[in-house]
Amino acid sequence: MKSMKRLFIIIIVFCAATAGFAQSLQDNPDYQAALQLQKSAEEAYAAGDYDKADSYSAQAEELFNKVRLGTDNAGLKAQADALLKTLDERMSKLDVERANAEFPDQLNNAKTRQDAAKGAYDAEDFQQSIKEAQAALAALDELNSLLAQGPTGGEVVLPRYYVVRLVPGNRDCFWNIAGYPFVYGDPMKWKLLYDANKKKLVAPANPDLILPKQVFEIPPIAGEKREGTYDPAKKYPALPK
């Protein structure tokens, strides 16, 4: 029975991909109906009623796909929310008067991207909102870099924000992030990151559940200057001991 086989594969992949939204799924009527259809398909298959099993499995597959699309969209919305919040926070800390006087084109680019990100979010195009927000943050990085070339241009500057990555073989977690030399160089300081960013987590009480592309703030701990978002293509000095 190809449809039954296909359904079992879909269910396994679906459950793995939506583990972070388990609680919301329990309240989703389509998801519950799909589970019931899955059960009915299995019972019909075991009873030898293959036509009925095929029909149930097809209906369950349709519902699972519907729920999966909604869950994927919820994940994109959460990422867009986090990026827009970070963007607003960083814009509020920007010396707009100086930026407008010295680098008006770069400032205008950052603001244009920010407006585009918010417009896409309002239109519920969360994927485009994420793209525009990331471009706005990159524009702010460039602008802050130019501003830093003033009287304090020679000062060591470390990243203020970190975007969670999928690191093969050694996934990002607060422990590993705190251990990066440009963060704290000490994984034992992971709780500083957790305390500063717990409100951004899907489950604030669970520091182990962090998602790729979440943006975390790195609080200064030794009077070091921090600004901009970590760029894997750049080389950063280690935090002075």
Foldseek 3Di string as FASTA:
>chain_A
DVLLVVLVVLVVVLCVVQVLVVVVLVVDPLSVQLVVLNVVLVVCVVVVVNVSSNVSSVSSVVSSVVVSVVSVLVVLLLLLVQLLVVLVVQVVVDPVVVCCVPPVPLVVLLVVLSVQLVVCVVVSVSVSSNVSSVVSLVSVQVSVLVVCCPPNVVAAEAAFKEFFDQDPPDGDALLVVCCDQSQPVGSVCSVVQLVQCLVSFSHSVDRRGDDGGRMTGRDDDPPGHHYGYDDPVDDHHGDDD
